[in-house]
Amino acid sequence: MSQFYLTTPLGWLLLTESNQQLTELQLFPTLPSVCCAPASGVLREAAQQLNEYFCGRRRTFTLPYAVTGTPWQKKVWQALTEIPYGETCSYRQIAERVGNPNAARAVGMANKGNPLPIIIPCHRVIGTDGSLTGYALGLPVKEHLLQMEQRYAHTCI
């Protein structure tokens, strides 16, 4: 297992990889006391792709990753990767996409357990009424990501 801290407009992201696959992304508002250089190729590539994303030059991620979760969570997380950059879906719409239209709350719980927020874009899921509801990294981060994507959605890359 290797880890790397990446500075971003949101704060410090801790990227974790195991067996050349990204496994976790966490946000820290300030740099933890220990910092390290990206030791693995997958961490270097993740850092590059995230930097491109924050600069508006990347809309999808092409990183190898391995996430641990239930079959339901993995089904929801897969559906999240299909939400286009700069667009949003409601929890109910995701529930319908995964075949259980009454499971909007369960979609929310799966989002909460997403180990790779931003890369698996759970920030693109909003309330049915268009409100920003719940986000493991905090609503200000969700709002920032959605506004950033809206700003860059119609630019050429």
N, C-alpha and C. Protein backbone atom coordinates (compact mmCIF):
# COMPACT_ATOMS: atom_id res chain seq x y z
N MET A 1 0.84 -1.17 0.00
CA MET A 1 0.00 0.00 0.00
C MET A 1 0.89 1.24 0.00
N SER A 2 0.53 2.22 -0.83
CA SER A 2 1.23 3.50 -0.89
C SER A 2 0.22 4.62 -0.76
N GLN A 3 0.68 5.76 -0.27
CA GLN A 3 -0.18 6.92 -0.12
C GLN A 3 0.54 8.16 -0.61
N PHE A 4 -0.26 9.16 -1.00
CA PHE A 4 0.29 10.43 -1.48
C PHE A 4 -0.69 11.54 -1.17
N TYR A 5 -0.19 12.67 -0.68
CA TYR A 5 -1.02 13.85 -0.45
C TYR A 5 -0.88 14.80 -1.64
N LEU A 6 -2.02 15.21 -2.17
CA LEU A 6 -2.07 16.11 -3.31
C LEU A 6 -2.77 17.39 -2.88
N THR A 7 -2.15 18.54 -3.13
CA THR A 7 -2.80 19.80 -2.83
C THR A 7 -3.76 20.14 -3.96
N THR A 8 -4.97 20.59 -3.57
CA THR A 8 -6.01 20.92 -4.54
C THR A 8 -6.73 22.18 -4.07
N PRO A 9 -7.61 22.73 -4.90
CA PRO A 9 -8.40 23.89 -4.45
C PRO A 9 -9.30 23.57 -3.25
N LEU A 10 -9.52 22.30 -2.97
CA LEU A 10 -10.38 21.89 -1.86
C LEU A 10 -9.62 21.71 -0.55
N GLY A 11 -8.33 21.54 -0.64
CA GLY A 11 -7.49 21.16 0.49
C GLY A 11 -6.57 20.04 0.05
N TRP A 12 -6.15 19.23 0.97
CA TRP A 12 -5.24 18.12 0.67
C TRP A 12 -6.01 16.84 0.47
N LEU A 13 -5.78 16.18 -0.65
CA LEU A 13 -6.38 14.88 -0.90
C LEU A 13 -5.35 13.81 -0.60
N LEU A 14 -5.74 12.84 0.19
CA LEU A 14 -4.89 11.69 0.45
C LEU A 14 -5.33 10.59 -0.50
N LEU A 15 -4.44 10.19 -1.39
CA LEU A 15 -4.70 9.11 -2.34
C LEU A 15 -4.02 7.86 -1.84
N THR A 16 -4.74 6.76 -1.86
CA THR A 16 -4.19 5.48 -1.41
C THR A 16 -4.31 4.48 -2.53
N GLU A 17 -3.24 3.71 -2.73
CA GLU A 17 -3.28 2.64 -3.73
C GLU A 17 -2.77 1.35 -3.12
N SER A 18 -3.24 0.28 -3.70
CA SER A 18 -2.79 -1.05 -3.34
C SER A 18 -2.76 -1.89 -4.61
N ASN A 19 -1.68 -2.60 -4.82
CA ASN A 19 -1.54 -3.45 -6.00
C ASN A 19 -1.78 -2.69 -7.30
N GLN A 20 -1.24 -1.48 -7.39
CA GLN A 20 -1.34 -0.63 -8.58
C GLN A 20 -2.78 -0.26 -8.94
N GLN A 21 -3.64 -0.18 -7.92
CA GLN A 21 -5.01 0.26 -8.12
C GLN A 21 -5.35 1.28 -7.04
N LEU A 22 -5.99 2.36 -7.43
CA LEU A 22 -6.42 3.37 -6.48
C LEU A 22 -7.52 2.76 -5.62
N THR A 23 -7.43 2.95 -4.30
CA THR A 23 -8.41 2.34 -3.40
C THR A 23 -9.17 3.34 -2.54
N GLU A 24 -8.61 4.54 -2.34
CA GLU A 24 -9.29 5.48 -1.46
C GLU A 24 -8.82 6.90 -1.72
N LEU A 25 -9.74 7.83 -1.50
CA LEU A 25 -9.45 9.26 -1.60
C LEU A 25 -10.10 9.93 -0.39
N GLN A 26 -9.31 10.67 0.38
CA GLN A 26 -9.82 11.39 1.55
C GLN A 26 -9.40 12.85 1.45
N LEU A 27 -10.19 13.73 2.03
CA LEU A 27 -9.91 15.16 2.01
C LEU A 27 -9.50 15.63 3.41
N PHE A 28 -8.44 16.42 3.46
CA PHE A 28 -7.98 17.05 4.70
C PHE A 28 -7.86 18.54 4.44
N PRO A 29 -8.40 19.39 5.33
CA PRO A 29 -8.32 20.83 5.10
C PRO A 29 -6.90 21.38 5.21
N THR A 30 -6.07 20.75 5.99
CA THR A 30 -4.68 21.17 6.11
C THR A 30 -3.78 19.96 5.91
N LEU A 31 -2.53 20.23 5.56
CA LEU A 31 -1.58 19.14 5.30
C LEU A 31 -1.27 18.42 6.61
N PRO A 32 -1.47 17.11 6.63
CA PRO A 32 -1.07 16.34 7.81
C PRO A 32 0.44 16.45 8.03
N SER A 33 0.88 16.06 9.18
CA SER A 33 2.29 16.24 9.54
C SER A 33 3.24 15.41 8.68
N VAL A 34 2.76 14.34 8.11
CA VAL A 34 3.61 13.49 7.28
C VAL A 34 3.19 13.64 5.83
N CYS A 35 4.13 13.91 4.96
CA CYS A 35 3.85 14.06 3.54
C CYS A 35 4.83 13.19 2.78
N CYS A 36 4.40 12.70 1.69
CA CYS A 36 5.28 11.80 0.95
C CYS A 36 5.16 12.06 -0.55
N ALA A 37 6.18 11.66 -1.29
CA ALA A 37 6.16 11.76 -2.75
C ALA A 37 5.40 10.57 -3.31
N PRO A 38 4.74 10.73 -4.46
CA PRO A 38 4.02 9.59 -5.03
C PRO A 38 4.99 8.51 -5.46
N ALA A 39 4.92 7.38 -4.78
CA ALA A 39 5.88 6.31 -5.02
C ALA A 39 5.48 5.44 -6.22
N SER A 40 4.20 5.29 -6.45
CA SER A 40 3.78 4.37 -7.50
C SER A 40 3.30 5.12 -8.74
N GLY A 41 3.33 4.42 -9.84
CA GLY A 41 2.85 5.00 -11.09
C GLY A 41 1.38 5.36 -11.03
N VAL A 42 0.57 4.55 -10.36
CA VAL A 42 -0.86 4.84 -10.31
C VAL A 42 -1.12 6.10 -9.48
N LEU A 43 -0.33 6.35 -8.44
CA LEU A 43 -0.51 7.57 -7.66
C LEU A 43 -0.06 8.79 -8.45
N ARG A 44 1.01 8.66 -9.20
CA ARG A 44 1.44 9.77 -10.07
C ARG A 44 0.38 10.07 -11.11
N GLU A 45 -0.18 9.04 -11.72
CA GLU A 45 -1.22 9.23 -12.73
C GLU A 45 -2.48 9.82 -12.10
N ALA A 46 -2.85 9.36 -10.91
CA ALA A 46 -4.02 9.92 -10.23
C ALA A 46 -3.80 11.40 -9.93
N ALA A 47 -2.63 11.75 -9.46
CA ALA A 47 -2.32 13.16 -9.16
C ALA A 47 -2.43 13.99 -10.44
N GLN A 48 -1.90 13.49 -11.53
CA GLN A 48 -1.96 14.22 -12.80
C GLN A 48 -3.40 14.40 -13.26
N GLN A 49 -4.19 13.32 -13.23
CA GLN A 49 -5.57 13.40 -13.69
C GLN A 49 -6.41 14.31 -12.79
N LEU A 50 -6.19 14.27 -11.48
CA LEU A 50 -6.92 15.16 -10.59
C LEU A 50 -6.53 16.62 -10.82
N ASN A 51 -5.25 16.89 -11.04
CA ASN A 51 -4.84 18.26 -11.37
C ASN A 51 -5.50 18.73 -12.66
N GLU A 52 -5.55 17.87 -13.67
CA GLU A 52 -6.23 18.22 -14.92
C GLU A 52 -7.71 18.48 -14.68
N TYR A 53 -8.34 17.67 -13.85
CA TYR A 53 -9.75 17.84 -13.52
C TYR A 53 -9.98 19.21 -12.87
N PHE A 54 -9.18 19.57 -11.89
CA PHE A 54 -9.37 20.84 -11.18
C PHE A 54 -9.06 22.04 -12.07
N CYS A 55 -8.31 21.84 -13.14
CA CYS A 55 -8.02 22.93 -14.09
C CYS A 55 -9.02 22.95 -15.25
N GLY A 56 -10.01 22.05 -15.24
CA GLY A 56 -11.01 22.01 -16.29
C GLY A 56 -10.57 21.31 -17.56
N ARG A 57 -9.46 20.57 -17.49
CA ARG A 57 -8.96 19.89 -18.69
C ARG A 57 -9.26 18.39 -18.71
N ARG A 58 -9.95 17.89 -17.72
CA ARG A 58 -10.31 16.47 -17.68
C ARG A 58 -11.74 16.34 -17.20
N ARG A 59 -12.50 15.50 -17.90
CA ARG A 59 -13.90 15.30 -17.55
C ARG A 59 -14.21 13.90 -17.06
N THR A 60 -13.35 12.96 -17.40
CA THR A 60 -13.51 11.59 -16.91
C THR A 60 -12.14 11.10 -16.43
N PHE A 61 -12.17 10.13 -15.56
CA PHE A 61 -10.94 9.56 -15.03
C PHE A 61 -10.72 8.18 -15.64
N THR A 62 -9.48 7.91 -15.97
CA THR A 62 -9.11 6.62 -16.57
C THR A 62 -8.06 5.98 -15.69
N LEU A 63 -8.41 5.76 -14.45
CA LEU A 63 -7.49 5.20 -13.48
C LEU A 63 -7.93 3.79 -13.10
N PRO A 64 -6.98 2.91 -12.90
CA PRO A 64 -7.36 1.60 -12.37
C PRO A 64 -7.71 1.75 -10.89
N TYR A 65 -8.85 1.23 -10.51
CA TYR A 65 -9.20 1.29 -9.09
C TYR A 65 -9.89 0.02 -8.66
N ALA A 66 -9.82 -0.22 -7.36
CA ALA A 66 -10.48 -1.36 -6.73
C ALA A 66 -11.19 -0.82 -5.50
N VAL A 67 -12.49 -0.97 -5.46
CA VAL A 67 -13.26 -0.49 -4.33
C VAL A 67 -13.90 -1.67 -3.61
N THR A 68 -13.95 -1.54 -2.31
CA THR A 68 -14.56 -2.58 -1.49
C THR A 68 -15.95 -2.11 -1.09
N GLY A 69 -16.93 -2.94 -1.37
CA GLY A 69 -18.30 -2.60 -1.03
C GLY A 69 -19.22 -3.77 -1.31
N THR A 70 -20.47 -3.60 -0.95
CA THR A 70 -21.47 -4.63 -1.21
C THR A 70 -21.82 -4.63 -2.70
N PRO A 71 -22.44 -5.68 -3.19
CA PRO A 71 -22.89 -5.66 -4.59
C PRO A 71 -23.79 -4.46 -4.89
N TRP A 72 -24.67 -4.09 -3.94
CA TRP A 72 -25.54 -2.92 -4.13
C TRP A 72 -24.71 -1.65 -4.28
N GLN A 73 -23.76 -1.43 -3.36
CA GLN A 73 -22.92 -0.24 -3.43
C GLN A 73 -22.19 -0.17 -4.77
N LYS A 74 -21.62 -1.28 -5.19
CA LYS A 74 -20.87 -1.29 -6.44
C LYS A 74 -21.77 -0.99 -7.64
N LYS A 75 -23.00 -1.46 -7.59
CA LYS A 75 -23.96 -1.17 -8.66
C LYS A 75 -24.26 0.33 -8.70
N VAL A 76 -24.47 0.93 -7.53
CA VAL A 76 -24.73 2.36 -7.46
C VAL A 76 -23.50 3.13 -7.93
N TRP A 77 -22.32 2.76 -7.44
CA TRP A 77 -21.09 3.47 -7.81
C TRP A 77 -20.86 3.40 -9.32
N GLN A 78 -21.18 2.27 -9.93
CA GLN A 78 -21.05 2.17 -11.38
C GLN A 78 -22.00 3.15 -12.07
N ALA A 79 -23.22 3.25 -11.56
CA ALA A 79 -24.18 4.19 -12.14
C ALA A 79 -23.69 5.63 -12.01
N LEU A 80 -23.00 5.95 -10.93
CA LEU A 80 -22.48 7.30 -10.74
C LEU A 80 -21.45 7.65 -11.81
N THR A 81 -20.66 6.69 -12.23
CA THR A 81 -19.64 6.96 -13.25
C THR A 81 -20.26 7.29 -14.60
N GLU A 82 -21.55 7.02 -14.75
CA GLU A 82 -22.23 7.28 -16.00
C GLU A 82 -22.93 8.65 -16.04
N ILE A 83 -22.86 9.41 -14.95
CA ILE A 83 -23.43 10.76 -14.94
C ILE A 83 -22.43 11.66 -15.66
N PRO A 84 -22.84 12.31 -16.73
CA PRO A 84 -21.91 13.14 -17.49
C PRO A 84 -21.36 14.32 -16.67
N TYR A 85 -20.15 14.70 -17.00
CA TYR A 85 -19.50 15.87 -16.41
C TYR A 85 -20.39 17.09 -16.57
N GLY A 86 -20.54 17.85 -15.49
CA GLY A 86 -21.33 19.07 -15.54
C GLY A 86 -22.82 18.85 -15.41
N GLU A 87 -23.26 17.62 -15.24
CA GLU A 87 -24.68 17.31 -15.11
C GLU A 87 -24.93 16.69 -13.75
N THR A 88 -26.20 16.64 -13.36
CA THR A 88 -26.58 16.03 -12.10
C THR A 88 -27.73 15.06 -12.31
N CYS A 89 -27.91 14.19 -11.34
CA CYS A 89 -29.04 13.26 -11.29
C CYS A 89 -29.55 13.26 -9.86
N SER A 90 -30.79 12.92 -9.68
CA SER A 90 -31.33 12.82 -8.33
C SER A 90 -31.06 11.41 -7.79
N TYR A 91 -31.17 11.30 -6.47
CA TYR A 91 -31.02 9.99 -5.83
C TYR A 91 -32.07 9.03 -6.39
N ARG A 92 -33.27 9.53 -6.61
CA ARG A 92 -34.34 8.70 -7.16
C ARG A 92 -33.99 8.22 -8.57
N GLN A 93 -33.42 9.11 -9.41
CA GLN A 93 -33.04 8.70 -10.77
C GLN A 93 -31.97 7.60 -10.74
N ILE A 94 -31.03 7.72 -9.83
CA ILE A 94 -30.01 6.67 -9.71
C ILE A 94 -30.67 5.37 -9.25
N ALA A 95 -31.58 5.46 -8.29
CA ALA A 95 -32.30 4.26 -7.83
C ALA A 95 -33.03 3.59 -8.99
N GLU A 96 -33.66 4.39 -9.84
CA GLU A 96 -34.35 3.83 -11.00
C GLU A 96 -33.36 3.18 -11.96
N ARG A 97 -32.21 3.82 -12.17
CA ARG A 97 -31.20 3.27 -13.08
C ARG A 97 -30.67 1.91 -12.62
N VAL A 98 -30.61 1.72 -11.30
CA VAL A 98 -30.08 0.45 -10.80
C VAL A 98 -31.18 -0.56 -10.50
N GLY A 99 -32.41 -0.22 -10.93
CA GLY A 99 -33.49 -1.19 -10.87
C GLY A 99 -34.30 -1.24 -9.60
N ASN A 100 -34.19 -0.23 -8.73
CA ASN A 100 -34.99 -0.21 -7.51
C ASN A 100 -35.47 1.21 -7.26
N PRO A 101 -36.56 1.62 -7.92
CA PRO A 101 -37.00 3.02 -7.87
C PRO A 101 -37.34 3.54 -6.48
N ASN A 102 -37.58 2.65 -5.53
CA ASN A 102 -37.93 3.08 -4.17
C ASN A 102 -36.72 3.13 -3.24
N ALA A 103 -35.53 3.04 -3.78
CA ALA A 103 -34.33 2.94 -2.96
C ALA A 103 -33.47 4.20 -2.96
N ALA A 104 -34.11 5.36 -3.04
CA ALA A 104 -33.35 6.61 -3.07
C ALA A 104 -32.50 6.78 -1.81
N ARG A 105 -33.03 6.43 -0.66
CA ARG A 105 -32.24 6.53 0.58
C ARG A 105 -31.07 5.57 0.56
N ALA A 106 -31.27 4.39 0.04
CA ALA A 106 -30.17 3.41 -0.05
C ALA A 106 -29.09 3.90 -1.02
N VAL A 107 -29.50 4.63 -2.06
CA VAL A 107 -28.51 5.24 -2.96
C VAL A 107 -27.70 6.26 -2.17
N GLY A 108 -28.36 7.04 -1.33
CA GLY A 108 -27.65 8.01 -0.50
C GLY A 108 -26.65 7.33 0.43
N MET A 109 -27.02 6.22 0.99
CA MET A 109 -26.10 5.49 1.88
C MET A 109 -24.93 4.92 1.09
N ALA A 110 -25.19 4.45 -0.12
CA ALA A 110 -24.09 3.94 -0.96
C ALA A 110 -23.15 5.09 -1.31
N ASN A 111 -23.70 6.25 -1.62
CA ASN A 111 -22.87 7.42 -1.91
C ASN A 111 -21.99 7.75 -0.72
N LYS A 112 -22.57 7.71 0.47
CA LYS A 112 -21.83 8.03 1.69
C LYS A 112 -20.63 7.10 1.86
N GLY A 113 -20.76 5.86 1.42
CA GLY A 113 -19.68 4.88 1.55
C GLY A 113 -18.70 4.85 0.39
N ASN A 114 -18.88 5.74 -0.58
CA ASN A 114 -18.01 5.78 -1.75
C ASN A 114 -16.56 6.07 -1.34
N PRO A 115 -15.64 5.15 -1.57
CA PRO A 115 -14.25 5.37 -1.14
C PRO A 115 -13.46 6.27 -2.08
N LEU A 116 -14.00 6.58 -3.25
CA LEU A 116 -13.28 7.40 -4.23
C LEU A 116 -14.14 8.58 -4.71
N PRO A 117 -14.58 9.45 -3.76
CA PRO A 117 -15.34 10.60 -4.23
C PRO A 117 -14.52 11.41 -5.21
N ILE A 118 -15.16 12.12 -6.06
CA ILE A 118 -14.63 12.88 -7.19
C ILE A 118 -14.38 11.93 -8.36
N ILE A 119 -13.59 10.88 -8.15
CA ILE A 119 -13.30 9.92 -9.22
C ILE A 119 -14.56 9.12 -9.56
N ILE A 120 -15.25 8.65 -8.55
CA ILE A 120 -16.60 8.10 -8.70
C ILE A 120 -17.50 9.26 -8.26
N PRO A 121 -18.07 10.00 -9.20
CA PRO A 121 -18.61 11.34 -8.93
C PRO A 121 -19.95 11.38 -8.19
N CYS A 122 -19.92 11.02 -6.91
CA CYS A 122 -21.15 11.08 -6.12
C CYS A 122 -21.59 12.51 -5.85
N HIS A 123 -20.72 13.48 -6.09
CA HIS A 123 -21.11 14.89 -5.91
C HIS A 123 -22.15 15.31 -6.95
N ARG A 124 -22.33 14.54 -8.00
CA ARG A 124 -23.29 14.88 -9.06
C ARG A 124 -24.71 14.41 -8.73
N VAL A 125 -24.90 13.84 -7.54
CA VAL A 125 -26.23 13.37 -7.14
C VAL A 125 -26.84 14.39 -6.19
N ILE A 126 -28.05 14.83 -6.53
CA ILE A 126 -28.73 15.89 -5.77
C ILE A 126 -30.14 15.42 -5.40
N GLY A 127 -30.80 16.22 -4.59
CA GLY A 127 -32.17 15.92 -4.21
C GLY A 127 -33.12 16.05 -5.40
N THR A 128 -34.26 15.41 -5.33
CA THR A 128 -35.25 15.46 -6.40
C THR A 128 -35.68 16.90 -6.69
N ASP A 129 -35.68 17.73 -5.65
CA ASP A 129 -36.08 19.12 -5.81
C ASP A 129 -34.93 20.02 -6.27
N GLY A 130 -33.78 19.42 -6.58
CA GLY A 130 -32.63 20.18 -7.04
C GLY A 130 -31.72 20.67 -5.93
N SER A 131 -32.04 20.33 -4.70
CA SER A 131 -31.23 20.80 -3.57
C SER A 131 -29.96 19.95 -3.42
N LEU A 132 -28.95 20.59 -2.87
CA LEU A 132 -27.72 19.88 -2.55
C LEU A 132 -27.92 19.21 -1.20
N THR A 133 -27.92 17.90 -1.22
CA THR A 133 -28.13 17.16 0.02
C THR A 133 -26.98 16.20 0.21
N GLY A 134 -26.51 16.11 1.42
CA GLY A 134 -25.50 15.14 1.81
C GLY A 134 -24.31 15.00 0.89
N TYR A 135 -23.14 14.97 1.47
CA TYR A 135 -21.92 14.67 0.74
C TYR A 135 -20.84 14.38 1.77
N ALA A 136 -20.19 13.25 1.62
CA ALA A 136 -19.21 12.82 2.63
C ALA A 136 -18.09 13.84 2.83
N LEU A 137 -17.73 14.59 1.79
CA LEU A 137 -16.67 15.58 1.91
C LEU A 137 -17.21 16.95 2.34
N GLY A 138 -18.51 17.05 2.55
CA GLY A 138 -19.13 18.29 3.00
C GLY A 138 -19.84 19.02 1.87
N LEU A 139 -20.95 19.66 2.20
CA LEU A 139 -21.74 20.37 1.18
C LEU A 139 -20.97 21.50 0.51
N PRO A 140 -20.11 22.26 1.21
CA PRO A 140 -19.34 23.28 0.49
C PRO A 140 -18.45 22.68 -0.61
N VAL A 141 -17.90 21.50 -0.37
CA VAL A 141 -17.07 20.85 -1.38
C VAL A 141 -17.94 20.40 -2.55
N LYS A 142 -19.10 19.84 -2.26
CA LYS A 142 -20.03 19.42 -3.31
C LYS A 142 -20.42 20.61 -4.18
N GLU A 143 -20.76 21.71 -3.53
CA GLU A 143 -21.14 22.92 -4.26
C GLU A 143 -19.99 23.43 -5.12
N HIS A 144 -18.77 23.41 -4.58
CA HIS A 144 -17.59 23.85 -5.33
C HIS A 144 -17.39 22.98 -6.57
N LEU A 145 -17.47 21.67 -6.41
CA LEU A 145 -17.26 20.76 -7.54
C LEU A 145 -18.31 20.96 -8.61
N LEU A 146 -19.57 21.08 -8.21
CA LEU A 146 -20.63 21.27 -9.20
C LEU A 146 -20.49 22.60 -9.92
N GLN A 147 -20.16 23.67 -9.19
CA GLN A 147 -19.96 24.96 -9.84
C GLN A 147 -18.77 24.94 -10.78
N MET A 148 -17.70 24.28 -10.37
CA MET A 148 -16.51 24.17 -11.22
C MET A 148 -16.86 23.43 -12.51
N GLU A 149 -17.56 22.32 -12.38
CA GLU A 149 -17.93 21.55 -13.57
C GLU A 149 -18.87 22.35 -14.48
N GLN A 150 -19.79 23.09 -13.90
CA GLN A 150 -20.67 23.94 -14.71
C GLN A 150 -19.87 24.99 -15.47
N ARG A 151 -18.88 25.56 -14.80
CA ARG A 151 -18.04 26.61 -15.41
C ARG A 151 -17.26 26.04 -16.59
N TYR A 152 -16.73 24.84 -16.46
CA TYR A 152 -15.89 24.27 -17.51
C TYR A 152 -16.65 23.38 -18.49
N ALA A 153 -17.90 23.08 -18.24
CA ALA A 153 -18.64 22.09 -19.05
C ALA A 153 -18.71 22.45 -20.52
N HIS A 154 -18.72 23.72 -20.84
CA HIS A 154 -18.90 24.13 -22.24
C HIS A 154 -17.64 24.68 -22.86
N THR A 155 -16.51 24.37 -22.26
CA THR A 155 -15.24 24.79 -22.83
C THR A 155 -14.59 23.63 -23.58
N CYS A 156 -13.77 23.94 -24.53
CA CYS A 156 -13.05 22.91 -25.26
C CYS A 156 -11.88 22.43 -24.42
N ILE A 157 -11.63 21.14 -24.48
CA ILE A 157 -10.46 20.60 -23.79
C ILE A 157 -9.54 19.93 -24.77
